[in-house]
Amino acid sequence: MKDRYSLLAPWYSSLVKLIFGGKLRESKLCLLENTASKNVLIIGGGDGLDYTEIAPDISGEYWELSGSMLKKAKANLQLSQLDFHLGNFKAGKKFDEVWLHFVLDTMPDDEITSFLVEIKKSLSPRGRIFLADFFSPKKRYQRILTCGMISLFRAITGHRRANLPDYEKILFTENWLKSSEEEFLVGWVKAQIWQLG
């Protein structure tokens, strides 16, 4: 499998921090609680740097499409109890939580729908999705940055999306219910918890 993130991996986290400060990291962590007691599935976690301070409390599986990102994640999360996997996620074990942090915005709508079917198979009866991602931009600079980011990822990594998904419409259609939400950057970024209705 070609590693389309190999060009981004060395400077990805530094660039994110330069543009967004700590807001994206904060959105990933803000709704997490009692992590040490959960079996967690992390999909598309990138280099894992944002999870380092809670690494000793994380156990479960970590799936990543990029070999270069996964290598960094293994180093950054060496204190965790995670099993690391390269490639597309395949349902198998049951998990209490699935962390989808800035990953659904890379998928076409039909792929998100199929992906959610696999997630359903992987959740324990009271399991939940922890979503953090970009939503519709609220300000002009956000619209410009959104277009720039989408264009960059389409050019470098081959992402097929040319816009942001309507996550809530897709999740509601698939019978998920939102139970919590926090907003960042005036609602451009949101952290949400979803569970099956």
N, C-alpha and C. Protein backbone atom coordinates (compact mmCIF):
# COMPACT_ATOMS: atom_id res chain seq x y z
N MET A 1 0.84 -1.19 0.00
CA MET A 1 0.00 0.00 0.00
C MET A 1 0.88 1.25 0.00
N LYS A 2 0.59 2.16 -0.92
CA LYS A 2 1.36 3.39 -1.00
C LYS A 2 1.06 4.29 0.19
N ASP A 3 2.10 4.82 0.80
CA ASP A 3 1.93 5.72 1.95
C ASP A 3 1.78 7.15 1.44
N ARG A 4 0.54 7.61 1.34
CA ARG A 4 0.28 8.93 0.79
C ARG A 4 0.54 10.05 1.79
N TYR A 5 0.80 9.67 3.03
CA TYR A 5 1.05 10.68 4.06
C TYR A 5 2.54 10.84 4.37
N SER A 6 3.39 10.15 3.63
CA SER A 6 4.82 10.18 3.94
C SER A 6 5.41 11.59 3.85
N LEU A 7 4.88 12.41 2.92
CA LEU A 7 5.37 13.79 2.80
C LEU A 7 4.88 14.67 3.95
N LEU A 8 3.71 14.35 4.49
CA LEU A 8 3.13 15.17 5.56
C LEU A 8 3.63 14.78 6.95
N ALA A 9 3.93 13.51 7.13
CA ALA A 9 4.21 12.98 8.47
C ALA A 9 5.27 13.76 9.25
N PRO A 10 6.40 14.16 8.64
CA PRO A 10 7.45 14.82 9.42
C PRO A 10 7.05 16.16 10.03
N TRP A 11 6.13 16.87 9.38
CA TRP A 11 5.81 18.22 9.85
C TRP A 11 4.33 18.45 10.12
N TYR A 12 3.52 17.38 10.06
CA TYR A 12 2.06 17.52 10.20
C TYR A 12 1.67 18.15 11.54
N SER A 13 2.13 17.60 12.64
CA SER A 13 1.73 18.09 13.96
C SER A 13 2.20 19.53 14.20
N SER A 14 3.40 19.84 13.74
CA SER A 14 3.92 21.21 13.90
C SER A 14 3.08 22.21 13.11
N LEU A 15 2.66 21.82 11.91
CA LEU A 15 1.83 22.70 11.09
C LEU A 15 0.46 22.91 11.73
N VAL A 16 -0.13 21.83 12.25
CA VAL A 16 -1.44 21.93 12.91
C VAL A 16 -1.36 22.86 14.11
N LYS A 17 -0.30 22.71 14.89
CA LYS A 17 -0.14 23.56 16.07
C LYS A 17 0.07 25.02 15.68
N LEU A 18 0.82 25.25 14.61
CA LEU A 18 1.06 26.61 14.14
C LEU A 18 -0.24 27.29 13.72
N ILE A 19 -1.10 26.56 13.04
CA ILE A 19 -2.34 27.15 12.50
C ILE A 19 -3.44 27.22 13.54
N PHE A 20 -3.58 26.15 14.34
CA PHE A 20 -4.74 26.04 15.23
C PHE A 20 -4.40 26.13 16.71
N GLY A 21 -3.12 26.31 17.03
CA GLY A 21 -2.74 26.29 18.45
C GLY A 21 -3.04 24.91 19.02
N GLY A 22 -3.63 24.87 20.19
CA GLY A 22 -3.96 23.59 20.81
C GLY A 22 -5.41 23.19 20.67
N LYS A 23 -6.17 23.91 19.82
CA LYS A 23 -7.62 23.68 19.76
C LYS A 23 -8.00 22.31 19.21
N LEU A 24 -7.29 21.81 18.21
CA LEU A 24 -7.64 20.49 17.67
C LEU A 24 -7.34 19.40 18.69
N ARG A 25 -6.21 19.53 19.36
CA ARG A 25 -5.88 18.58 20.43
C ARG A 25 -6.93 18.61 21.53
N GLU A 26 -7.32 19.83 21.92
CA GLU A 26 -8.32 19.99 22.97
C GLU A 26 -9.64 19.34 22.57
N SER A 27 -10.01 19.48 21.30
CA SER A 27 -11.27 18.90 20.83
C SER A 27 -11.24 17.37 20.91
N LYS A 28 -10.07 16.78 20.71
CA LYS A 28 -9.95 15.33 20.78
C LYS A 28 -10.09 14.80 22.20
N LEU A 29 -9.64 15.58 23.16
CA LEU A 29 -9.55 15.09 24.54
C LEU A 29 -10.67 15.55 25.44
N CYS A 30 -11.43 16.56 25.04
CA CYS A 30 -12.33 17.24 25.98
C CYS A 30 -13.45 16.36 26.53
N LEU A 31 -13.94 15.41 25.78
CA LEU A 31 -15.07 14.61 26.23
C LEU A 31 -14.67 13.24 26.78
N LEU A 32 -13.37 12.97 26.77
CA LEU A 32 -12.91 11.67 27.27
C LEU A 32 -12.95 11.64 28.78
N GLU A 33 -13.35 10.51 29.35
CA GLU A 33 -13.35 10.34 30.80
C GLU A 33 -13.20 8.86 31.14
N ASN A 34 -12.58 8.60 32.27
CA ASN A 34 -12.38 7.22 32.75
C ASN A 34 -11.78 6.32 31.67
N THR A 35 -10.83 6.87 30.94
CA THR A 35 -10.26 6.15 29.80
C THR A 35 -9.60 4.84 30.21
N ALA A 36 -9.01 4.80 31.39
CA ALA A 36 -8.29 3.61 31.82
C ALA A 36 -9.20 2.39 31.95
N SER A 37 -10.49 2.61 32.12
CA SER A 37 -11.42 1.48 32.30
C SER A 37 -12.06 1.05 30.98
N LYS A 38 -11.66 1.65 29.87
CA LYS A 38 -12.31 1.39 28.57
C LYS A 38 -11.38 0.64 27.62
N ASN A 39 -12.01 -0.16 26.76
CA ASN A 39 -11.31 -0.76 25.63
C ASN A 39 -11.62 0.12 24.42
N VAL A 40 -10.58 0.75 23.88
CA VAL A 40 -10.76 1.84 22.92
C VAL A 40 -10.27 1.43 21.53
N LEU A 41 -11.03 1.86 20.51
CA LEU A 41 -10.62 1.71 19.12
C LEU A 41 -10.34 3.11 18.56
N ILE A 42 -9.11 3.34 18.12
CA ILE A 42 -8.72 4.62 17.53
C ILE A 42 -8.45 4.38 16.05
N ILE A 43 -9.17 5.10 15.20
CA ILE A 43 -9.01 4.93 13.74
C ILE A 43 -8.54 6.25 13.15
N GLY A 44 -7.44 6.20 12.40
CA GLY A 44 -6.92 7.40 11.76
C GLY A 44 -6.34 8.38 12.75
N GLY A 45 -5.64 7.86 13.75
CA GLY A 45 -5.10 8.71 14.80
C GLY A 45 -3.83 9.45 14.42
N GLY A 46 -3.34 9.25 13.20
CA GLY A 46 -2.13 9.95 12.78
C GLY A 46 -0.92 9.58 13.61
N ASP A 47 -0.14 10.59 13.99
CA ASP A 47 1.11 10.31 14.72
C ASP A 47 0.88 10.10 16.22
N GLY A 48 -0.36 10.23 16.68
CA GLY A 48 -0.68 9.94 18.08
C GLY A 48 -0.18 10.95 19.09
N LEU A 49 0.45 12.02 18.63
CA LEU A 49 1.08 12.97 19.54
C LEU A 49 0.09 13.59 20.52
N ASP A 50 -1.14 13.81 20.07
CA ASP A 50 -2.12 14.47 20.94
C ASP A 50 -2.58 13.60 22.10
N TYR A 51 -2.28 12.31 22.05
CA TYR A 51 -2.72 11.40 23.10
C TYR A 51 -1.62 11.03 24.09
N THR A 52 -0.44 11.62 23.94
CA THR A 52 0.70 11.17 24.74
C THR A 52 0.48 11.30 26.24
N GLU A 53 -0.16 12.38 26.69
CA GLU A 53 -0.31 12.57 28.13
C GLU A 53 -1.27 11.57 28.76
N ILE A 54 -2.15 10.96 27.95
CA ILE A 54 -3.07 9.95 28.50
C ILE A 54 -2.68 8.54 28.05
N ALA A 55 -1.53 8.42 27.39
CA ALA A 55 -1.10 7.13 26.83
C ALA A 55 -1.15 5.98 27.84
N PRO A 56 -0.68 6.18 29.09
CA PRO A 56 -0.72 5.05 30.03
C PRO A 56 -2.13 4.54 30.34
N ASP A 57 -3.14 5.36 30.05
CA ASP A 57 -4.53 4.98 30.34
C ASP A 57 -5.27 4.44 29.12
N ILE A 58 -4.58 4.28 27.99
CA ILE A 58 -5.26 3.84 26.77
C ILE A 58 -4.91 2.39 26.46
N SER A 59 -5.94 1.57 26.27
CA SER A 59 -5.74 0.20 25.80
C SER A 59 -6.78 -0.09 24.72
N GLY A 60 -6.40 -0.95 23.79
CA GLY A 60 -7.29 -1.29 22.69
C GLY A 60 -6.52 -1.42 21.39
N GLU A 61 -7.07 -0.87 20.30
CA GLU A 61 -6.44 -0.98 19.00
C GLU A 61 -6.32 0.40 18.35
N TYR A 62 -5.27 0.54 17.56
CA TYR A 62 -4.95 1.79 16.85
C TYR A 62 -4.74 1.45 15.39
N TRP A 63 -5.60 1.99 14.52
CA TRP A 63 -5.53 1.70 13.09
C TRP A 63 -5.16 2.96 12.33
N GLU A 64 -4.23 2.81 11.39
CA GLU A 64 -3.74 3.96 10.62
C GLU A 64 -3.38 3.49 9.21
N LEU A 65 -3.74 4.29 8.21
CA LEU A 65 -3.45 3.95 6.82
C LEU A 65 -2.02 4.24 6.42
N SER A 66 -1.36 5.14 7.13
CA SER A 66 -0.02 5.58 6.77
C SER A 66 1.05 4.89 7.63
N GLY A 67 1.98 4.22 6.96
CA GLY A 67 3.06 3.57 7.69
C GLY A 67 3.94 4.56 8.43
N SER A 68 4.18 5.71 7.81
CA SER A 68 5.03 6.72 8.46
C SER A 68 4.33 7.32 9.68
N MET A 69 3.03 7.56 9.59
CA MET A 69 2.28 8.05 10.74
C MET A 69 2.22 6.99 11.84
N LEU A 70 2.02 5.74 11.45
CA LEU A 70 1.92 4.66 12.44
C LEU A 70 3.24 4.48 13.19
N LYS A 71 4.35 4.61 12.48
CA LYS A 71 5.66 4.50 13.13
C LYS A 71 5.81 5.57 14.20
N LYS A 72 5.39 6.80 13.90
CA LYS A 72 5.45 7.88 14.88
C LYS A 72 4.49 7.62 16.05
N ALA A 73 3.30 7.09 15.74
CA ALA A 73 2.33 6.80 16.79
C ALA A 73 2.86 5.76 17.77
N LYS A 74 3.51 4.74 17.25
CA LYS A 74 4.09 3.71 18.13
C LYS A 74 5.11 4.32 19.09
N ALA A 75 5.91 5.25 18.58
CA ALA A 75 6.91 5.90 19.43
C ALA A 75 6.24 6.84 20.44
N ASN A 76 5.27 7.62 19.98
CA ASN A 76 4.61 8.59 20.86
C ASN A 76 3.74 7.92 21.91
N LEU A 77 3.23 6.74 21.61
CA LEU A 77 2.29 6.06 22.51
C LEU A 77 2.87 4.77 23.06
N GLN A 78 4.18 4.74 23.23
CA GLN A 78 4.81 3.51 23.70
C GLN A 78 4.42 3.13 25.13
N LEU A 79 3.89 4.09 25.90
CA LEU A 79 3.44 3.78 27.26
C LEU A 79 2.00 3.27 27.30
N SER A 80 1.35 3.21 26.14
CA SER A 80 -0.04 2.73 26.08
C SER A 80 -0.08 1.20 26.04
N GLN A 81 -1.29 0.68 26.09
CA GLN A 81 -1.51 -0.76 25.92
C GLN A 81 -2.27 -1.00 24.61
N LEU A 82 -1.89 -0.27 23.59
CA LEU A 82 -2.55 -0.37 22.29
C LEU A 82 -1.85 -1.38 21.39
N ASP A 83 -2.66 -2.07 20.59
CA ASP A 83 -2.15 -2.89 19.50
C ASP A 83 -2.26 -2.06 18.22
N PHE A 84 -1.16 -1.92 17.50
CA PHE A 84 -1.12 -1.04 16.33
C PHE A 84 -1.31 -1.84 15.04
N HIS A 85 -2.12 -1.29 14.13
CA HIS A 85 -2.43 -1.98 12.87
C HIS A 85 -2.30 -1.01 11.71
N LEU A 86 -1.69 -1.47 10.63
CA LEU A 86 -1.56 -0.68 9.41
C LEU A 86 -2.59 -1.17 8.39
N GLY A 87 -3.36 -0.24 7.83
CA GLY A 87 -4.32 -0.60 6.79
C GLY A 87 -5.73 -0.16 7.15
N ASN A 88 -6.68 -0.62 6.34
CA ASN A 88 -8.08 -0.31 6.58
C ASN A 88 -8.61 -1.12 7.75
N PHE A 89 -9.39 -0.48 8.60
CA PHE A 89 -9.93 -1.15 9.77
C PHE A 89 -10.82 -2.32 9.39
N LYS A 90 -10.65 -3.43 10.12
CA LYS A 90 -11.48 -4.61 9.94
C LYS A 90 -12.12 -4.96 11.28
N ALA A 91 -13.44 -5.04 11.28
CA ALA A 91 -14.18 -5.35 12.52
C ALA A 91 -13.78 -6.71 13.05
N GLY A 92 -13.66 -6.80 14.36
CA GLY A 92 -13.30 -8.06 15.00
C GLY A 92 -13.73 -8.03 16.45
N LYS A 93 -12.91 -7.43 17.30
CA LYS A 93 -13.20 -7.34 18.72
C LYS A 93 -14.28 -6.30 18.99
N LYS A 94 -14.78 -6.32 20.25
CA LYS A 94 -15.75 -5.33 20.68
C LYS A 94 -15.05 -4.25 21.51
N PHE A 95 -15.49 -3.01 21.34
CA PHE A 95 -14.88 -1.87 22.01
C PHE A 95 -15.94 -1.03 22.72
N ASP A 96 -15.49 -0.37 23.78
CA ASP A 96 -16.38 0.52 24.53
C ASP A 96 -16.51 1.87 23.85
N GLU A 97 -15.43 2.31 23.21
CA GLU A 97 -15.41 3.61 22.55
C GLU A 97 -14.66 3.51 21.23
N VAL A 98 -15.12 4.26 20.25
CA VAL A 98 -14.40 4.42 18.99
C VAL A 98 -14.08 5.89 18.83
N TRP A 99 -12.80 6.21 18.70
CA TRP A 99 -12.37 7.59 18.54
C TRP A 99 -12.16 7.87 17.06
N LEU A 100 -13.00 8.75 16.53
CA LEU A 100 -12.90 9.17 15.13
C LEU A 100 -12.56 10.65 15.11
N HIS A 101 -11.29 10.93 15.21
CA HIS A 101 -10.82 12.31 15.31
C HIS A 101 -10.22 12.76 13.99
N PHE A 102 -10.93 13.62 13.30
CA PHE A 102 -10.48 14.19 12.04
C PHE A 102 -10.15 13.10 11.01
N VAL A 103 -11.09 12.16 10.90
CA VAL A 103 -10.91 11.09 9.92
C VAL A 103 -12.08 11.00 8.95
N LEU A 104 -13.31 11.26 9.40
CA LEU A 104 -14.47 11.15 8.51
C LEU A 104 -14.45 12.20 7.42
N ASP A 105 -13.78 13.33 7.68
CA ASP A 105 -13.74 14.39 6.66
C ASP A 105 -12.90 14.01 5.44
N THR A 106 -12.26 12.84 5.49
CA THR A 106 -11.47 12.37 4.35
C THR A 106 -12.26 11.41 3.46
N MET A 107 -13.47 11.01 3.88
CA MET A 107 -14.22 9.96 3.19
C MET A 107 -15.42 10.50 2.43
N PRO A 108 -15.72 9.95 1.25
CA PRO A 108 -16.99 10.25 0.58
C PRO A 108 -18.16 9.75 1.43
N ASP A 109 -19.35 10.30 1.21
CA ASP A 109 -20.50 9.94 2.03
C ASP A 109 -20.80 8.45 2.03
N ASP A 110 -20.76 7.80 0.86
CA ASP A 110 -21.09 6.37 0.81
C ASP A 110 -20.07 5.54 1.60
N GLU A 111 -18.82 5.99 1.60
CA GLU A 111 -17.79 5.30 2.35
C GLU A 111 -17.99 5.48 3.86
N ILE A 112 -18.44 6.67 4.26
CA ILE A 112 -18.74 6.90 5.68
C ILE A 112 -19.85 5.96 6.12
N THR A 113 -20.90 5.82 5.30
CA THR A 113 -22.03 4.95 5.63
C THR A 113 -21.57 3.50 5.80
N SER A 114 -20.76 3.01 4.87
CA SER A 114 -20.23 1.64 4.97
C SER A 114 -19.33 1.48 6.19
N PHE A 115 -18.54 2.50 6.44
CA PHE A 115 -17.63 2.50 7.58
C PHE A 115 -18.41 2.41 8.90
N LEU A 116 -19.52 3.12 8.98
CA LEU A 116 -20.34 3.09 10.20
C LEU A 116 -20.94 1.71 10.46
N VAL A 117 -21.19 0.95 9.39
CA VAL A 117 -21.66 -0.42 9.55
C VAL A 117 -20.60 -1.25 10.27
N GLU A 118 -19.34 -1.07 9.87
CA GLU A 118 -18.25 -1.79 10.54
C GLU A 118 -18.09 -1.34 11.99
N ILE A 119 -18.31 -0.05 12.23
CA ILE A 119 -18.22 0.46 13.59
C ILE A 119 -19.29 -0.17 14.48
N LYS A 120 -20.51 -0.28 13.95
CA LYS A 120 -21.61 -0.90 14.70
C LYS A 120 -21.24 -2.31 15.13
N LYS A 121 -20.61 -3.05 14.23
CA LYS A 121 -20.20 -4.43 14.54
C LYS A 121 -19.16 -4.48 15.65
N SER A 122 -18.45 -3.38 15.84
CA SER A 122 -17.29 -3.36 16.73
C SER A 122 -17.59 -2.78 18.11
N LEU A 123 -18.78 -2.25 18.30
CA LEU A 123 -19.10 -1.61 19.57
C LEU A 123 -19.81 -2.56 20.52
N SER A 124 -19.47 -2.47 21.79
CA SER A 124 -20.22 -3.17 22.83
C SER A 124 -21.62 -2.57 22.90
N PRO A 125 -22.59 -3.23 23.56
CA PRO A 125 -23.98 -2.76 23.53
C PRO A 125 -24.18 -1.30 23.92
N ARG A 126 -23.38 -0.79 24.82
CA ARG A 126 -23.52 0.62 25.23
C ARG A 126 -22.35 1.47 24.74
N GLY A 127 -21.69 0.98 23.70
CA GLY A 127 -20.52 1.67 23.17
C GLY A 127 -20.88 2.98 22.51
N ARG A 128 -19.86 3.84 22.37
CA ARG A 128 -20.09 5.18 21.84
C ARG A 128 -18.99 5.58 20.85
N ILE A 129 -19.36 6.45 19.95
CA ILE A 129 -18.40 7.09 19.04
C ILE A 129 -18.03 8.45 19.60
N PHE A 130 -16.73 8.73 19.65
CA PHE A 130 -16.23 10.06 20.01
C PHE A 130 -15.72 10.70 18.72
N LEU A 131 -16.48 11.67 18.24
CA LEU A 131 -16.17 12.33 16.97
C LEU A 131 -15.60 13.72 17.25
N ALA A 132 -14.52 14.06 16.56
CA ALA A 132 -14.01 15.43 16.56
C ALA A 132 -13.63 15.74 15.12
N ASP A 133 -14.11 16.88 14.61
CA ASP A 133 -13.82 17.18 13.21
C ASP A 133 -14.21 18.61 12.87
N PHE A 134 -13.88 18.98 11.63
CA PHE A 134 -14.26 20.29 11.11
C PHE A 134 -15.71 20.24 10.63
N PHE A 135 -16.46 21.28 10.97
CA PHE A 135 -17.83 21.45 10.50
C PHE A 135 -17.86 22.69 9.61
N SER A 136 -19.05 23.11 9.21
CA SER A 136 -19.16 24.25 8.29
C SER A 136 -18.46 25.48 8.87
N PRO A 137 -17.56 26.09 8.11
CA PRO A 137 -16.85 27.28 8.60
C PRO A 137 -17.81 28.43 8.85
N LYS A 138 -17.52 29.21 9.89
CA LYS A 138 -18.39 30.31 10.30
C LYS A 138 -17.88 31.68 9.86
N LYS A 139 -16.59 31.78 9.62
CA LYS A 139 -15.99 33.06 9.28
C LYS A 139 -15.25 32.95 7.94
N ARG A 140 -14.97 34.10 7.36
CA ARG A 140 -14.33 34.11 6.03
C ARG A 140 -12.97 33.42 6.06
N TYR A 141 -12.14 33.71 7.07
CA TYR A 141 -10.82 33.08 7.11
C TYR A 141 -10.94 31.57 7.26
N GLN A 142 -12.02 31.11 7.94
CA GLN A 142 -12.23 29.68 8.09
C GLN A 142 -12.60 29.04 6.76
N ARG A 143 -13.42 29.73 5.98
CA ARG A 143 -13.78 29.22 4.65
C ARG A 143 -12.54 29.11 3.76
N ILE A 144 -11.67 30.13 3.83
CA ILE A 144 -10.44 30.11 3.04
C ILE A 144 -9.53 28.96 3.47
N LEU A 145 -9.37 28.79 4.79
CA LEU A 145 -8.53 27.71 5.30
C LEU A 145 -9.10 26.34 4.96
N THR A 146 -10.42 26.21 5.06
CA THR A 146 -11.06 24.93 4.72
C THR A 146 -10.78 24.57 3.27
N CYS A 147 -10.97 25.51 2.37
CA CYS A 147 -10.69 25.25 0.94
C CYS A 147 -9.22 24.91 0.73
N GLY A 148 -8.34 25.62 1.43
CA GLY A 148 -6.91 25.36 1.30
C GLY A 148 -6.52 23.98 1.80
N MET A 149 -7.08 23.60 2.95
CA MET A 149 -6.77 22.28 3.52
C MET A 149 -7.28 21.16 2.62
N ILE A 150 -8.51 21.30 2.15
CA ILE A 150 -9.07 20.28 1.27
C ILE A 150 -8.23 20.15 0.00
N SER A 151 -7.85 21.28 -0.59
CA SER A 151 -7.04 21.25 -1.81
C SER A 151 -5.68 20.60 -1.56
N LEU A 152 -5.06 20.93 -0.42
CA LEU A 152 -3.76 20.35 -0.07
C LEU A 152 -3.85 18.84 0.07
N PHE A 153 -4.86 18.37 0.81
CA PHE A 153 -4.97 16.93 1.02
C PHE A 153 -5.37 16.20 -0.25
N ARG A 154 -6.16 16.84 -1.10
CA ARG A 154 -6.49 16.21 -2.37
C ARG A 154 -5.24 16.06 -3.24
N ALA A 155 -4.38 17.09 -3.21
CA ALA A 155 -3.18 17.07 -4.04
C ALA A 155 -2.13 16.10 -3.52
N ILE A 156 -1.91 16.10 -2.19
CA ILE A 156 -0.81 15.32 -1.62
C ILE A 156 -1.21 13.89 -1.30
N THR A 157 -2.41 13.71 -0.75
CA THR A 157 -2.78 12.37 -0.27
C THR A 157 -3.83 11.69 -1.14
N GLY A 158 -4.39 12.41 -2.11
CA GLY A 158 -5.37 11.80 -2.98
C GLY A 158 -6.76 11.69 -2.37
N HIS A 159 -7.05 12.49 -1.33
CA HIS A 159 -8.40 12.49 -0.78
C HIS A 159 -9.41 12.79 -1.87
N ARG A 160 -10.56 12.12 -1.81
CA ARG A 160 -11.57 12.28 -2.86
C ARG A 160 -12.61 13.34 -2.54
N ARG A 161 -12.67 13.79 -1.30
CA ARG A 161 -13.69 14.78 -0.94
C ARG A 161 -13.28 16.17 -1.41
N ALA A 162 -14.27 16.93 -1.87
CA ALA A 162 -14.03 18.32 -2.25
C ALA A 162 -14.76 19.27 -1.31
N ASN A 163 -15.40 18.70 -0.27
CA ASN A 163 -16.12 19.51 0.70
C ASN A 163 -16.15 18.75 2.03
N LEU A 164 -16.80 19.33 3.04
CA LEU A 164 -16.93 18.66 4.32
C LEU A 164 -18.22 17.85 4.37
N PRO A 165 -18.20 16.68 4.99
CA PRO A 165 -19.44 15.88 5.09
C PRO A 165 -20.46 16.55 6.01
N ASP A 166 -21.71 16.19 5.83
CA ASP A 166 -22.75 16.53 6.80
C ASP A 166 -22.83 15.36 7.77
N TYR A 167 -21.90 15.34 8.74
CA TYR A 167 -21.78 14.20 9.65
C TYR A 167 -23.10 13.89 10.34
N GLU A 168 -23.76 14.93 10.84
CA GLU A 168 -24.96 14.72 11.64
C GLU A 168 -26.07 14.09 10.81
N LYS A 169 -26.25 14.54 9.58
CA LYS A 169 -27.27 13.95 8.71
C LYS A 169 -26.99 12.47 8.49
N ILE A 170 -25.73 12.14 8.21
CA ILE A 170 -25.36 10.74 7.96
C ILE A 170 -25.56 9.90 9.22
N LEU A 171 -25.11 10.40 10.35
CA LEU A 171 -25.23 9.63 11.59
C LEU A 171 -26.68 9.46 12.01
N PHE A 172 -27.48 10.51 11.90
CA PHE A 172 -28.90 10.39 12.23
C PHE A 172 -29.59 9.38 11.32
N THR A 173 -29.25 9.40 10.04
CA THR A 173 -29.84 8.46 9.09
C THR A 173 -29.50 7.02 9.44
N GLU A 174 -28.32 6.82 10.00
CA GLU A 174 -27.87 5.48 10.38
C GLU A 174 -28.27 5.11 11.82
N ASN A 175 -29.20 5.90 12.39
CA ASN A 175 -29.79 5.59 13.70
C ASN A 175 -28.85 5.84 14.88
N TRP A 176 -27.95 6.82 14.74
CA TRP A 176 -27.12 7.25 15.85
C TRP A 176 -27.73 8.48 16.49
N LEU A 177 -27.56 8.61 17.79
CA LEU A 177 -28.07 9.76 18.52
C LEU A 177 -26.92 10.50 19.18
N LYS A 178 -26.95 11.82 19.11
CA LYS A 178 -25.89 12.64 19.73
C LYS A 178 -26.23 12.90 21.19
N SER A 179 -25.27 12.62 22.08
CA SER A 179 -25.53 12.80 23.50
C SER A 179 -24.72 13.93 24.13
N SER A 180 -23.64 14.36 23.50
CA SER A 180 -22.83 15.45 24.04
C SER A 180 -22.16 16.21 22.90
N GLU A 181 -21.84 17.48 23.16
CA GLU A 181 -21.16 18.28 22.15
C GLU A 181 -20.43 19.44 22.80
N GLU A 182 -19.24 19.73 22.29
CA GLU A 182 -18.51 20.94 22.65
C GLU A 182 -18.01 21.58 21.37
N GLU A 183 -18.02 22.92 21.34
CA GLU A 183 -17.62 23.65 20.14
C GLU A 183 -16.30 24.37 20.37
N PHE A 184 -15.53 24.48 19.29
CA PHE A 184 -14.26 25.20 19.29
C PHE A 184 -14.20 26.08 18.05
N LEU A 185 -13.45 27.17 18.15
CA LEU A 185 -13.27 28.06 17.01
C LEU A 185 -14.62 28.48 16.42
N VAL A 186 -15.51 28.90 17.32
CA VAL A 186 -16.85 29.40 16.97
C VAL A 186 -17.67 28.34 16.22
N GLY A 187 -17.48 27.08 16.58
CA GLY A 187 -18.27 26.01 15.97
C GLY A 187 -17.70 25.43 14.70
N TRP A 188 -16.56 25.94 14.26
CA TRP A 188 -15.91 25.36 13.07
C TRP A 188 -15.42 23.94 13.38
N VAL A 189 -14.97 23.74 14.61
CA VAL A 189 -14.57 22.42 15.08
C VAL A 189 -15.51 22.02 16.20
N LYS A 190 -15.98 20.77 16.16
CA LYS A 190 -16.86 20.27 17.21
C LYS A 190 -16.38 18.92 17.69
N ALA A 191 -16.59 18.67 18.99
CA ALA A 191 -16.38 17.35 19.57
C ALA A 191 -17.76 16.83 19.97
N GLN A 192 -18.05 15.60 19.59
CA GLN A 192 -19.38 15.05 19.86
C GLN A 192 -19.28 13.60 20.32
N ILE A 193 -20.29 13.16 21.07
CA ILE A 193 -20.44 11.75 21.43
C ILE A 193 -21.73 11.25 20.80
N TRP A 194 -21.63 10.10 20.15
CA TRP A 194 -22.77 9.48 19.48
C TRP A 194 -22.95 8.04 19.97
N GLN A 195 -24.19 7.63 20.12
CA GLN A 195 -24.48 6.23 20.43
C GLN A 195 -25.72 5.79 19.69
N LEU A 196 -25.87 4.49 19.53
CA LEU A 196 -26.99 3.97 18.76
C LEU A 196 -28.30 4.22 19.47
N GLY A 197 -29.32 4.61 18.69
CA GLY A 197 -30.64 4.89 19.26
C GLY A 197 -31.42 3.62 19.51
